[in-house]
């Protein structure tokens, strides 16, 4: 299964980026193979809909779980339709959050932000 994390730099030691839709990169971790990929998020330069674009790219990559600090309503709707679960990140690095997820220590994200710029 593939898990995605929004990050500001291409490192497993990076903290999770505050904004899902504006993250410069995504770390993709495969729980079966333990492989790590880095995905450039080209939509960060877009005026709007960065979250929706990021969500669609991740769905297209076969992501089943996203671990983030926050996520916009529009991106959440797209992810929900694609049956992608969104968990609230804990404080710490991507590595810390992978461990927390694998040990069932994260909760589903239950608050989603709405911004006019996401339309």
N, C-alpha and C. Protein backbone atom coordinates (compact mmCIF):
# COMPACT_ATOMS: atom_id res chain seq x y z
N UNK A 1 0.84 -1.17 0.00
CA UNK A 1 0.00 0.00 0.00
C UNK A 1 0.89 1.24 0.00
N UNK A 2 0.44 2.27 -0.71
CA UNK A 2 1.21 3.51 -0.79
C UNK A 2 0.60 4.59 0.11
N UNK A 3 1.51 5.27 0.85
CA UNK A 3 1.15 6.38 1.72
C UNK A 3 1.85 7.63 1.22
N UNK A 4 1.16 8.78 1.20
CA UNK A 4 1.77 10.03 0.76
C UNK A 4 1.80 11.05 1.90
N UNK A 5 2.84 11.87 1.87
CA UNK A 5 3.05 12.92 2.87
C UNK A 5 3.45 14.21 2.15
N UNK A 6 2.82 15.35 2.42
CA UNK A 6 3.28 16.62 1.85
C UNK A 6 4.53 17.09 2.61
N UNK A 7 5.57 17.48 1.87
CA UNK A 7 6.83 17.90 2.50
C UNK A 7 7.44 19.10 1.76
N UNK A 8 8.37 19.77 2.42
CA UNK A 8 9.05 20.91 1.80
C UNK A 8 10.39 20.53 1.18
N UNK A 9 10.90 19.35 1.53
CA UNK A 9 12.17 18.90 0.97
C UNK A 9 12.13 17.39 0.76
N UNK A 10 12.98 16.91 -0.10
CA UNK A 10 13.02 15.49 -0.45
C UNK A 10 13.88 14.73 0.56
N UNK A 11 13.27 14.46 1.72
CA UNK A 11 13.98 13.73 2.76
C UNK A 11 12.98 13.01 3.66
N UNK A 12 13.30 11.81 4.04
CA UNK A 12 12.47 11.04 4.96
C UNK A 12 12.51 11.66 6.36
N UNK A 13 13.51 12.49 6.61
CA UNK A 13 13.64 13.17 7.91
C UNK A 13 12.91 14.51 7.92
N UNK A 14 12.33 14.90 6.82
CA UNK A 14 11.59 16.16 6.71
C UNK A 14 10.33 16.11 7.58
N UNK A 15 9.95 17.28 8.10
CA UNK A 15 8.67 17.40 8.79
C UNK A 15 7.57 17.50 7.74
N UNK A 16 6.36 17.21 8.14
CA UNK A 16 5.23 17.29 7.23
C UNK A 16 4.88 18.76 7.01
N UNK A 17 4.70 19.12 5.75
CA UNK A 17 4.40 20.49 5.34
C UNK A 17 3.01 20.87 5.86
N UNK A 18 2.85 22.11 6.28
CA UNK A 18 1.59 22.56 6.87
C UNK A 18 0.40 22.51 5.92
N UNK A 19 0.62 22.80 4.65
CA UNK A 19 -0.48 22.88 3.69
C UNK A 19 -0.40 21.75 2.66
N UNK A 20 -1.37 20.87 2.66
CA UNK A 20 -1.40 19.76 1.72
C UNK A 20 -1.31 20.25 0.28
N UNK A 21 -2.15 21.20 -0.09
CA UNK A 21 -2.24 21.65 -1.47
C UNK A 21 -1.10 22.52 -1.95
N UNK A 22 -0.31 23.04 -1.05
CA UNK A 22 0.80 23.92 -1.43
C UNK A 22 2.18 23.33 -1.16
N UNK A 23 2.22 22.08 -0.79
CA UNK A 23 3.51 21.43 -0.52
C UNK A 23 4.34 21.33 -1.80
N UNK A 24 5.62 21.66 -1.73
CA UNK A 24 6.47 21.56 -2.92
C UNK A 24 6.69 20.13 -3.39
N UNK A 25 6.66 19.18 -2.46
CA UNK A 25 6.91 17.78 -2.79
C UNK A 25 5.98 16.87 -1.99
N UNK A 26 5.90 15.63 -2.45
CA UNK A 26 5.23 14.59 -1.69
C UNK A 26 6.19 13.42 -1.57
N UNK A 27 6.27 12.86 -0.38
CA UNK A 27 6.99 11.62 -0.16
C UNK A 27 5.96 10.51 -0.31
N UNK A 28 6.29 9.50 -1.09
CA UNK A 28 5.43 8.34 -1.25
C UNK A 28 6.16 7.13 -0.69
N UNK A 29 5.55 6.51 0.30
CA UNK A 29 6.14 5.35 0.98
C UNK A 29 5.30 4.12 0.68
N UNK A 30 5.95 3.04 0.24
CA UNK A 30 5.27 1.79 -0.04
C UNK A 30 5.46 0.87 1.18
N UNK A 31 4.37 0.53 1.86
CA UNK A 31 4.46 -0.27 3.08
C UNK A 31 4.89 -1.71 2.82
N UNK A 32 4.73 -2.18 1.61
CA UNK A 32 5.11 -3.56 1.30
C UNK A 32 6.59 -3.65 0.91
N UNK A 33 7.00 -2.85 -0.07
CA UNK A 33 8.39 -2.90 -0.55
C UNK A 33 9.34 -2.04 0.28
N UNK A 34 8.79 -1.12 1.07
CA UNK A 34 9.55 -0.15 1.87
C UNK A 34 10.27 0.89 0.99
N UNK A 35 9.91 0.94 -0.29
CA UNK A 35 10.48 1.93 -1.20
C UNK A 35 9.95 3.32 -0.89
N UNK A 36 10.79 4.32 -1.15
CA UNK A 36 10.43 5.72 -0.97
C UNK A 36 10.63 6.44 -2.28
N UNK A 37 9.62 7.20 -2.70
CA UNK A 37 9.69 8.03 -3.90
C UNK A 37 9.44 9.47 -3.50
N UNK A 38 9.92 10.37 -4.33
CA UNK A 38 9.65 11.80 -4.13
C UNK A 38 8.96 12.31 -5.39
N UNK A 39 7.88 13.02 -5.18
CA UNK A 39 7.08 13.53 -6.28
C UNK A 39 7.06 15.05 -6.21
N UNK A 40 7.50 15.71 -7.28
CA UNK A 40 7.42 17.17 -7.36
C UNK A 40 5.96 17.56 -7.54
N UNK A 41 5.54 18.57 -6.82
CA UNK A 41 4.16 19.04 -6.92
C UNK A 41 4.17 20.34 -7.73
N UNK A 42 4.03 20.20 -9.00
CA UNK A 42 4.11 21.36 -9.91
C UNK A 42 2.95 22.33 -9.74
N UNK A 43 1.88 21.91 -9.13
CA UNK A 43 0.71 22.78 -8.96
C UNK A 43 0.93 23.87 -7.90
N UNK A 44 2.06 23.82 -7.18
CA UNK A 44 2.28 24.83 -6.14
C UNK A 44 2.37 26.23 -6.73
N UNK A 45 2.68 26.33 -8.00
CA UNK A 45 2.77 27.66 -8.61
C UNK A 45 1.43 28.12 -9.17
N UNK A 46 0.44 27.26 -9.13
CA UNK A 46 -0.88 27.61 -9.65
C UNK A 46 -1.56 28.62 -8.73
N UNK A 47 -2.42 29.43 -9.30
CA UNK A 47 -3.16 30.42 -8.52
C UNK A 47 -4.19 29.79 -7.60
N UNK A 48 -4.77 28.70 -8.02
CA UNK A 48 -5.79 28.06 -7.21
C UNK A 48 -5.88 26.59 -7.50
N UNK A 49 -6.69 25.92 -6.73
CA UNK A 49 -6.96 24.49 -6.90
C UNK A 49 -5.72 23.61 -6.70
N UNK A 50 -4.74 24.10 -5.94
CA UNK A 50 -3.54 23.30 -5.68
C UNK A 50 -3.85 22.00 -4.96
N UNK A 51 -4.79 22.05 -4.02
CA UNK A 51 -5.17 20.86 -3.28
C UNK A 51 -5.85 19.82 -4.15
N UNK A 52 -6.74 20.29 -5.02
CA UNK A 52 -7.45 19.38 -5.92
C UNK A 52 -6.47 18.74 -6.89
N UNK A 53 -5.57 19.54 -7.42
CA UNK A 53 -4.57 19.00 -8.36
C UNK A 53 -3.66 17.99 -7.67
N UNK A 54 -3.23 18.32 -6.47
CA UNK A 54 -2.37 17.40 -5.72
C UNK A 54 -3.11 16.10 -5.44
N UNK A 55 -4.37 16.22 -5.02
CA UNK A 55 -5.17 15.03 -4.72
C UNK A 55 -5.30 14.13 -5.95
N UNK A 56 -5.57 14.73 -7.11
CA UNK A 56 -5.74 13.93 -8.32
C UNK A 56 -4.45 13.23 -8.71
N UNK A 57 -3.32 13.92 -8.60
CA UNK A 57 -2.03 13.30 -8.92
C UNK A 57 -1.77 12.11 -7.99
N UNK A 58 -2.07 12.27 -6.71
CA UNK A 58 -1.83 11.19 -5.76
C UNK A 58 -2.78 10.01 -6.01
N UNK A 59 -4.02 10.29 -6.33
CA UNK A 59 -4.96 9.21 -6.68
C UNK A 59 -4.43 8.46 -7.90
N UNK A 60 -3.96 9.21 -8.89
CA UNK A 60 -3.41 8.60 -10.11
C UNK A 60 -2.17 7.74 -9.81
N UNK A 61 -1.46 8.06 -8.74
CA UNK A 61 -0.28 7.29 -8.33
C UNK A 61 -0.64 6.05 -7.52
N UNK A 62 -1.93 5.87 -7.22
CA UNK A 62 -2.36 4.70 -6.46
C UNK A 62 -2.24 4.84 -4.95
N UNK A 63 -2.20 6.07 -4.47
CA UNK A 63 -2.10 6.33 -3.03
C UNK A 63 -3.39 5.89 -2.35
N UNK A 64 -3.27 5.23 -1.20
CA UNK A 64 -4.45 4.79 -0.43
C UNK A 64 -4.58 5.52 0.90
N UNK A 65 -3.47 6.14 1.37
CA UNK A 65 -3.47 6.87 2.64
C UNK A 65 -2.64 8.13 2.47
N UNK A 66 -3.16 9.22 3.03
CA UNK A 66 -2.42 10.48 3.09
C UNK A 66 -2.30 10.86 4.55
N UNK A 67 -1.11 11.27 4.94
CA UNK A 67 -0.89 11.76 6.30
C UNK A 67 -0.47 13.21 6.18
N UNK A 68 -1.30 14.11 6.75
CA UNK A 68 -1.10 15.54 6.57
C UNK A 68 -1.53 16.31 7.81
N UNK A 69 -1.05 17.53 7.93
CA UNK A 69 -1.48 18.42 9.02
C UNK A 69 -2.89 18.93 8.78
N UNK A 70 -3.17 19.29 7.53
CA UNK A 70 -4.49 19.78 7.16
C UNK A 70 -4.73 19.52 5.69
N UNK A 71 -6.00 19.62 5.31
CA UNK A 71 -6.39 19.36 3.93
C UNK A 71 -7.64 20.18 3.65
N UNK A 72 -7.74 20.71 2.45
CA UNK A 72 -8.90 21.50 2.07
C UNK A 72 -10.11 20.63 1.77
N UNK A 73 -11.28 21.25 1.88
CA UNK A 73 -12.54 20.52 1.64
C UNK A 73 -12.63 19.94 0.23
N UNK A 74 -12.24 20.71 -0.76
CA UNK A 74 -12.37 20.24 -2.14
C UNK A 74 -11.45 19.05 -2.42
N UNK A 75 -10.23 19.11 -1.92
CA UNK A 75 -9.31 17.98 -2.07
C UNK A 75 -9.85 16.77 -1.31
N UNK A 76 -10.39 17.00 -0.14
CA UNK A 76 -10.93 15.92 0.68
C UNK A 76 -12.07 15.20 -0.04
N UNK A 77 -12.93 15.95 -0.71
CA UNK A 77 -14.05 15.35 -1.45
C UNK A 77 -13.53 14.42 -2.55
N UNK A 78 -12.53 14.89 -3.29
CA UNK A 78 -11.96 14.07 -4.36
C UNK A 78 -11.31 12.81 -3.77
N UNK A 79 -10.57 12.97 -2.69
CA UNK A 79 -9.90 11.83 -2.07
C UNK A 79 -10.91 10.84 -1.51
N UNK A 80 -11.98 11.34 -0.90
CA UNK A 80 -13.00 10.46 -0.35
C UNK A 80 -13.64 9.62 -1.46
N UNK A 81 -13.96 10.26 -2.59
CA UNK A 81 -14.55 9.53 -3.73
C UNK A 81 -13.61 8.43 -4.22
N UNK A 82 -12.32 8.67 -4.12
CA UNK A 82 -11.32 7.68 -4.56
C UNK A 82 -10.97 6.68 -3.44
N UNK A 83 -11.66 6.80 -2.31
CA UNK A 83 -11.46 5.91 -1.16
C UNK A 83 -10.05 6.00 -0.58
N UNK A 84 -9.52 7.21 -0.55
CA UNK A 84 -8.22 7.48 0.08
C UNK A 84 -8.49 7.99 1.50
N UNK A 85 -7.85 7.38 2.48
CA UNK A 85 -8.00 7.81 3.87
C UNK A 85 -7.00 8.92 4.17
N UNK A 86 -7.42 9.90 4.98
CA UNK A 86 -6.56 11.02 5.35
C UNK A 86 -6.39 11.00 6.87
N UNK A 87 -5.15 10.86 7.30
CA UNK A 87 -4.84 10.83 8.72
C UNK A 87 -4.18 12.14 9.15
N UNK A 88 -4.40 12.52 10.41
CA UNK A 88 -3.78 13.70 11.00
C UNK A 88 -2.34 13.35 11.38
N UNK A 89 -1.40 14.11 10.85
CA UNK A 89 0.01 13.87 11.14
C UNK A 89 0.33 14.18 12.60
N UNK A 90 1.26 13.44 13.13
CA UNK A 90 1.78 13.74 14.47
C UNK A 90 2.99 14.65 14.31
N UNK A 91 3.44 15.21 15.40
CA UNK A 91 4.64 16.05 15.37
C UNK A 91 5.83 15.14 15.11
N UNK A 92 6.71 15.59 14.23
CA UNK A 92 7.89 14.80 13.93
C UNK A 92 8.10 14.61 12.45
N UNK A 93 9.06 13.79 12.13
CA UNK A 93 9.47 13.58 10.74
C UNK A 93 8.54 12.61 10.02
N UNK A 94 8.78 12.48 8.72
CA UNK A 94 8.05 11.49 7.94
C UNK A 94 8.30 10.11 8.53
N UNK A 95 9.54 9.83 8.86
CA UNK A 95 9.90 8.53 9.45
C UNK A 95 9.07 8.28 10.73
N UNK A 96 8.95 9.30 11.59
CA UNK A 96 8.16 9.17 12.82
C UNK A 96 6.69 8.88 12.50
N UNK A 97 6.16 9.55 11.48
CA UNK A 97 4.76 9.36 11.11
C UNK A 97 4.51 8.01 10.46
N UNK A 98 5.47 7.50 9.72
CA UNK A 98 5.35 6.15 9.17
C UNK A 98 5.22 5.16 10.32
N UNK A 99 6.11 5.29 11.28
CA UNK A 99 6.09 4.39 12.44
C UNK A 99 4.77 4.52 13.21
N UNK A 100 4.31 5.74 13.41
CA UNK A 100 3.04 5.96 14.12
C UNK A 100 1.88 5.33 13.36
N UNK A 101 1.86 5.47 12.04
CA UNK A 101 0.80 4.88 11.23
C UNK A 101 0.83 3.36 11.33
N UNK A 102 2.00 2.78 11.16
CA UNK A 102 2.13 1.33 11.19
C UNK A 102 1.76 0.75 12.55
N UNK A 103 1.91 1.55 13.61
CA UNK A 103 1.55 1.12 14.96
C UNK A 103 0.15 1.57 15.36
N UNK A 104 -0.64 2.03 14.37
CA UNK A 104 -2.03 2.44 14.58
C UNK A 104 -2.16 3.54 15.64
N UNK A 105 -1.26 4.53 15.57
CA UNK A 105 -1.25 5.61 16.56
C UNK A 105 -1.73 6.94 16.00
N UNK A 106 -2.22 6.97 14.76
CA UNK A 106 -2.72 8.20 14.16
C UNK A 106 -4.24 8.13 14.05
N UNK A 107 -4.87 9.31 14.12
CA UNK A 107 -6.32 9.41 13.96
C UNK A 107 -6.65 9.97 12.59
N UNK A 108 -7.83 9.62 12.11
CA UNK A 108 -8.29 10.21 10.86
C UNK A 108 -8.46 11.71 11.03
N UNK A 109 -8.10 12.45 10.00
CA UNK A 109 -8.30 13.90 9.99
C UNK A 109 -9.79 14.15 9.88
N UNK A 110 -10.32 15.02 10.74
CA UNK A 110 -11.76 15.24 10.72
C UNK A 110 -12.17 16.70 10.53
N UNK A 111 -11.20 17.58 10.34
CA UNK A 111 -11.50 18.98 10.04
C UNK A 111 -10.83 19.34 8.73
N UNK A 112 -11.60 19.93 7.83
CA UNK A 112 -11.09 20.28 6.52
C UNK A 112 -11.33 21.77 6.26
N UNK A 113 -10.34 22.40 5.71
CA UNK A 113 -10.36 23.85 5.48
C UNK A 113 -11.02 24.18 4.14
N UNK A 114 -11.74 25.27 4.12
CA UNK A 114 -12.30 25.78 2.87
C UNK A 114 -11.67 27.13 2.59
N UNK A 115 -11.10 27.27 1.40
CA UNK A 115 -10.52 28.55 0.98
C UNK A 115 -11.07 28.89 -0.39
N UNK A 116 -11.42 30.13 -0.58
CA UNK A 116 -11.92 30.55 -1.88
C UNK A 116 -10.90 30.31 -2.99
N UNK A 117 -9.61 30.32 -2.64
CA UNK A 117 -8.56 30.13 -3.65
C UNK A 117 -8.50 28.68 -4.12
N UNK A 118 -9.15 27.76 -3.41
CA UNK A 118 -9.15 26.35 -3.81
C UNK A 118 -10.17 26.05 -4.89
N UNK A 119 -11.00 27.02 -5.23
CA UNK A 119 -12.04 26.80 -6.23
C UNK A 119 -11.51 26.87 -7.63
